[in-house]
Each structure stands twice: as structure tokens, then as C-alpha cells.
């Protein structure tokens, strides 16, 4: 009968079918092999950090080898449960934003989310993902409220934000809504301040931009 033939066809098709798990595994292996072809020479270098700082120098950054390598390692720490936050300190026009911006050009967009300023509730309502990602704030002055700084410290220390607010439903009734933003999240900020707020300083590595006549000469050259 046609029903029996259909059952036979189904059994034959199932016998020849590839499971989603096997298919996914094959595709993952293929992606890994393609990625390895592109990065094998670099991955087998004895000193990848040196190779990175050389590439950044070729991209137009004079000196700052240690800072470049520190920023690279910090951004890579996004893959861990405790990303390493960094504050880059230096005088105005000292080159801190240029160094940071050049390092970020070597990173995929998913690695970081860069801002020059934010409102005090931006971290709560932003739709950008923060998990295993770095928030980059150019100039500490962009954190223009104590509340925004508090939310940022919560994201760094507790690796999440839990913020409860009150909103009107379609009927106009006020109801509580809990907003959760998941980390872990890293932070890199630049600032001209000689000293950070104690509650921020204890949570971050502080790196100082080089500000010497020799460095200025290297920049001009």
C-alpha cells in the first residue's frame, strides 16, 4: 500500500540522515580549521604580545609598548569571569585616546562598546550586551553623575546590575519592573585626573601615558 511504501521511505531517509549534533560538530570543526589557516603563523609565535605591539606601532602609535600590551591583555580577559578594568591616565593631548583607539581597531566589534558620555540610566536601559564585553569610556568626565558611576561599579564588582523601577501598564496602573543586565563586564576609561575616586581606584589597574621630551620627539618623528 501507499502507506507501507511511505513508511519504508521514511525509515530509509532516517537511516541516511545526519543528526544536528553531528552536523554542528562538522561545521564547528570546519570553522576552526579555516580560522587556524589564517592565524597559524601568529599563534605559533614565541611572543604574540611583541607581534601585537609591533603591529600597533606600524599603525601609527609611537612608543607606549607596555601600555599597548596591557590593553591587549585586559581586553582578552573579557573571556574570563573577572575581566581586568584599566584606567589610562595622562595629561590633555598626551595621546591616551589615540593609543586606546588604535588598539581597539585590532578588536572585533563584539569585544567592546565605546562611549564618550552617558546618561545616569544608560547602563540600565541600553540594549547593548555587556556580558564578556568591555565598556570603553573616553574621558572619565563622561560619567557625569554619581548614580552612573555607582551602576558601573556594580557591573564591575557584582558582574551584573539589578535595577527595579516603576512603570505604567497599558491601563495606566503603576507596576514594578525589575531590569537585570548581566556581566561579567570590563571597563577601560581615560582621564586627565591625577587621582581616581578611591572606590574606582581599588577596582582598576592604573596605567600612565608616557609624557617625556623623548616620547614627544618620537611622536613628531
Protein backbone atom coordinates (compact mmCIF):
# COMPACT_ATOMS: atom_id res chain seq x y z
CA UNK A 1 0.00 0.00 0.00
CA UNK A 2 0.99 3.62 -0.34
CA UNK A 3 1.12 3.89 3.48
CA UNK A 4 3.58 0.99 3.73
CA UNK A 5 5.73 2.46 0.97
CA UNK A 6 5.73 5.80 2.75
CA UNK A 7 6.89 4.15 5.99
CA UNK A 8 9.72 2.40 4.15
CA UNK A 9 10.76 5.70 2.56
CA UNK A 10 10.75 7.42 5.95
CA UNK A 11 12.91 4.69 7.51
CA UNK A 12 15.37 4.90 4.64
CA UNK A 13 15.52 8.69 4.93
CA UNK A 14 16.10 8.50 8.68
CA UNK A 15 18.86 5.93 8.18
CA UNK A 16 20.67 8.30 5.80
CA UNK A 17 20.02 11.48 7.79
CA UNK A 18 22.82 13.29 9.64
CA UNK A 19 21.99 14.35 13.18
CA UNK A 20 22.04 18.04 14.02
CA UNK A 21 24.71 17.35 16.63
CA UNK A 22 27.00 15.72 14.04
CA UNK A 23 26.30 18.46 11.52
CA UNK A 24 27.01 21.18 14.06
CA UNK A 25 30.22 19.43 15.10
CA UNK A 26 31.38 19.19 11.49
CA UNK A 27 30.63 22.85 10.83
CA UNK A 28 32.43 23.86 14.03
CA UNK A 29 35.47 21.81 13.03
CA UNK A 30 35.45 23.37 9.57
CA UNK A 31 35.32 26.90 11.04
CA UNK A 32 38.19 26.04 13.39
CA UNK A 33 40.30 24.71 10.52
CA UNK A 34 39.62 27.83 8.44
CA UNK A 35 40.50 30.09 11.37
CA UNK A 36 43.69 28.14 12.05
CA UNK A 37 44.79 28.58 8.43
CA UNK A 38 44.56 32.35 8.90
CA UNK A 39 46.30 32.61 12.27
CA UNK A 40 48.66 29.62 12.45
CA UNK A 41 51.84 31.66 11.88
CA UNK A 42 50.88 34.17 14.55
CA UNK A 43 49.58 31.59 17.02
CA UNK A 44 52.90 29.75 16.92
CA UNK A 45 54.99 32.86 17.57
CA UNK A 46 57.03 32.74 20.77
CA UNK A 47 55.91 36.26 21.74
CA UNK A 48 52.47 37.20 20.45
CA UNK A 49 52.42 40.37 22.58
CA UNK A 50 55.56 41.62 20.86
CA UNK A 51 53.98 40.93 17.47
CA UNK A 52 50.89 42.88 18.53
CA UNK A 53 52.84 45.91 19.77
CA UNK A 54 54.83 45.91 16.51
CA UNK A 55 51.59 45.94 14.52
CA UNK A 56 50.23 48.82 16.61
CA UNK A 57 53.46 50.76 16.06
CA UNK A 58 53.09 50.27 12.31
CA UNK A 59 49.54 51.61 12.65
CA UNK A 60 50.90 54.92 13.93
CA UNK A 61 51.50 54.67 17.70
CA UNK A 62 54.93 55.86 18.86
CA UNK A 63 56.31 54.10 21.93
CA UNK A 64 53.85 53.03 24.65
CA UNK A 65 54.80 49.38 24.15
CA UNK A 66 53.89 48.33 27.71
CA UNK A 67 50.58 50.20 27.64
CA UNK A 68 49.64 48.64 24.29
CA UNK A 69 50.37 45.16 25.62
CA UNK A 70 48.50 45.83 28.86
CA UNK A 71 45.40 46.97 26.97
CA UNK A 72 45.56 43.88 24.76
CA UNK A 73 45.74 41.57 27.77
CA UNK A 74 42.94 43.44 29.54
CA UNK A 75 40.64 43.18 26.52
CA UNK A 76 41.45 39.48 26.22
CA UNK A 77 40.44 39.00 29.87
CA UNK A 78 36.82 39.52 28.74
CA UNK A 79 36.78 35.76 28.15
CA UNK A 80 37.22 35.12 31.88
CA UNK A 81 34.78 35.55 34.74
CA UNK A 82 36.75 38.56 36.05
CA UNK A 83 37.70 40.96 33.25
CA UNK A 84 40.50 43.35 34.23
CA UNK A 85 39.43 47.02 34.23
CA UNK A 86 42.03 49.67 33.32
CA UNK A 87 42.25 53.43 33.75
CA UNK A 88 44.61 55.19 31.33
CA UNK A 89 45.81 58.40 32.97
CA UNK A 90 47.66 61.26 31.32
CA UNK A 91 47.65 64.98 30.51
CA UNK A 92 45.35 66.51 27.94
CA UNK A 93 46.58 65.86 24.38
CA UNK A 94 49.03 63.29 25.74
CA UNK A 95 47.90 60.63 23.29
CA UNK A 96 45.97 58.31 25.62
CA UNK A 97 42.83 58.26 23.45
CA UNK A 98 44.92 57.71 20.32
CA UNK A 99 46.70 54.72 21.82
CA UNK A 100 43.46 53.19 23.08
CA UNK A 101 41.61 53.85 19.83
CA UNK A 102 44.36 52.22 17.77
CA UNK A 103 44.39 49.12 19.98
CA UNK A 104 40.60 48.85 19.61
CA UNK A 105 40.93 48.87 15.82
CA UNK A 106 42.51 45.44 16.11
CA UNK A 107 39.50 44.08 18.03
CA UNK A 108 36.17 42.75 16.66
CA UNK A 109 33.14 44.98 17.43
CA UNK A 110 31.74 42.38 19.85
CA UNK A 111 34.73 42.90 22.14
CA UNK A 112 33.84 46.42 23.30
CA UNK A 113 31.23 49.18 23.40
CA UNK A 114 32.75 52.67 23.24
CA UNK A 115 31.16 55.88 24.56
CA UNK A 116 32.32 59.43 25.12
CA UNK A 117 29.50 60.15 27.56
CA UNK A 118 26.37 58.55 29.01
CA UNK A 119 23.27 59.49 30.97
CA UNK A 120 22.93 58.22 34.50
CA UNK A 121 20.45 55.48 33.50
CA UNK A 122 22.16 54.45 30.25
CA UNK A 123 23.60 51.22 31.63
CA UNK A 124 20.16 50.14 32.79
CA UNK A 125 18.19 50.80 29.62
CA UNK A 126 20.83 50.23 26.94
CA UNK A 127 20.09 47.28 24.66
CA UNK A 128 23.78 46.60 24.08
CA UNK A 129 25.01 43.26 25.51
CA UNK A 130 27.54 43.66 28.33
CA UNK A 131 28.37 40.04 29.10
CA UNK A 132 32.03 39.20 28.44
CA UNK A 133 32.48 42.60 26.86
CA UNK A 134 34.37 45.80 27.66
CA UNK A 135 32.76 49.17 28.17
CA UNK A 136 35.13 51.88 26.92
CA UNK A 137 34.58 55.43 28.20
CA UNK A 138 36.70 58.13 26.61
CA UNK A 139 37.34 60.67 29.37
CA UNK A 140 36.14 59.98 32.89
CA UNK A 141 34.18 63.24 32.78
CA UNK A 142 31.73 61.39 30.55
CA UNK A 143 30.50 59.62 33.69
CA UNK A 144 28.71 62.77 34.70
CA UNK A 145 26.73 61.50 37.67
CA UNK A 146 27.35 59.63 40.91
CA UNK A 147 24.50 57.26 40.07
CA UNK A 148 26.05 56.27 36.72
CA UNK A 149 29.37 55.66 38.48
CA UNK A 150 27.59 53.53 41.08
CA UNK A 151 25.92 51.39 38.41
CA UNK A 152 29.27 50.95 36.72
CA UNK A 153 30.90 49.80 39.97
CA UNK A 154 28.05 47.32 40.46
CA UNK A 155 28.59 45.93 36.99
CA UNK A 156 32.31 45.52 37.70
CA UNK A 157 32.11 44.15 41.24
CA UNK A 158 28.88 42.14 41.22
CA UNK A 159 29.10 41.31 37.50
CA UNK A 160 25.50 42.40 36.95
CA UNK A 161 23.00 45.21 37.51
CA UNK A 162 19.63 44.65 39.18
CA UNK A 163 17.53 47.79 38.92
CA UNK A 164 13.87 47.96 39.90
CA UNK A 165 11.72 50.76 38.58
CA UNK A 166 8.01 51.61 38.36
CA UNK A 167 6.22 51.90 35.03
CA UNK A 168 2.64 52.37 33.88
CA UNK A 169 1.00 49.43 32.14
CA UNK A 170 -1.37 49.97 29.16
CA UNK A 171 -4.22 50.53 31.61
CA UNK A 172 -2.30 53.30 33.38
CA UNK A 173 -1.65 51.24 36.51
CA UNK A 174 1.79 51.63 38.12
CA UNK A 175 3.67 48.34 38.31
CA UNK A 176 7.18 47.42 39.43
CA UNK A 177 9.60 46.10 36.81
CA UNK A 178 12.97 44.52 37.54
CA UNK A 179 15.67 45.14 34.93
CA UNK A 180 18.73 42.91 35.02
CA UNK A 181 21.90 43.47 33.00
CA UNK A 182 24.29 40.54 33.06
CA UNK A 183 28.09 40.68 33.04
CA UNK A 184 30.85 39.98 33.59
CA UNK A 185 31.91 43.29 32.11
CA UNK A 186 35.25 45.02 31.83
CA UNK A 187 35.96 48.74 31.76
CA UNK A 188 38.61 50.88 30.12
CA UNK A 189 38.48 54.62 30.69
CA UNK A 190 40.80 57.52 30.02
CA UNK A 191 41.22 60.50 32.30
CA UNK A 192 43.37 63.56 32.94
CA UNK A 193 42.84 63.28 36.69
CA UNK A 194 45.98 62.59 38.68
CA UNK A 195 43.97 60.55 41.19
CA UNK A 196 40.83 58.47 40.75
CA UNK A 197 37.99 58.24 43.21
CA UNK A 198 39.10 55.72 45.89
CA UNK A 199 36.13 53.42 45.17
CA UNK A 200 37.15 53.30 41.49
CA UNK A 201 40.91 53.14 42.06
CA UNK A 202 40.66 49.97 44.16
CA UNK A 203 38.81 48.20 41.34
CA UNK A 204 41.11 49.14 38.44
CA UNK A 205 44.64 48.92 37.15
CA UNK A 206 46.01 52.41 36.54
CA UNK A 207 48.34 52.93 33.58
CA UNK A 208 50.04 56.27 32.99
CA UNK A 209 50.69 57.59 29.50
CA UNK A 210 54.34 58.46 28.77
CA UNK A 211 54.86 62.23 28.90
CA UNK A 212 58.55 62.93 28.35
CA UNK A 213 60.56 65.02 25.84
CA UNK A 214 61.85 61.77 24.34
CA UNK A 215 58.31 60.49 23.76
CA UNK A 216 57.27 63.81 22.23
CA UNK A 217 60.23 63.55 19.85
CA UNK A 218 59.21 60.00 18.89
CA UNK A 219 55.67 61.19 18.19
CA UNK A 220 56.92 64.02 15.97
CA UNK A 221 59.24 61.70 14.06
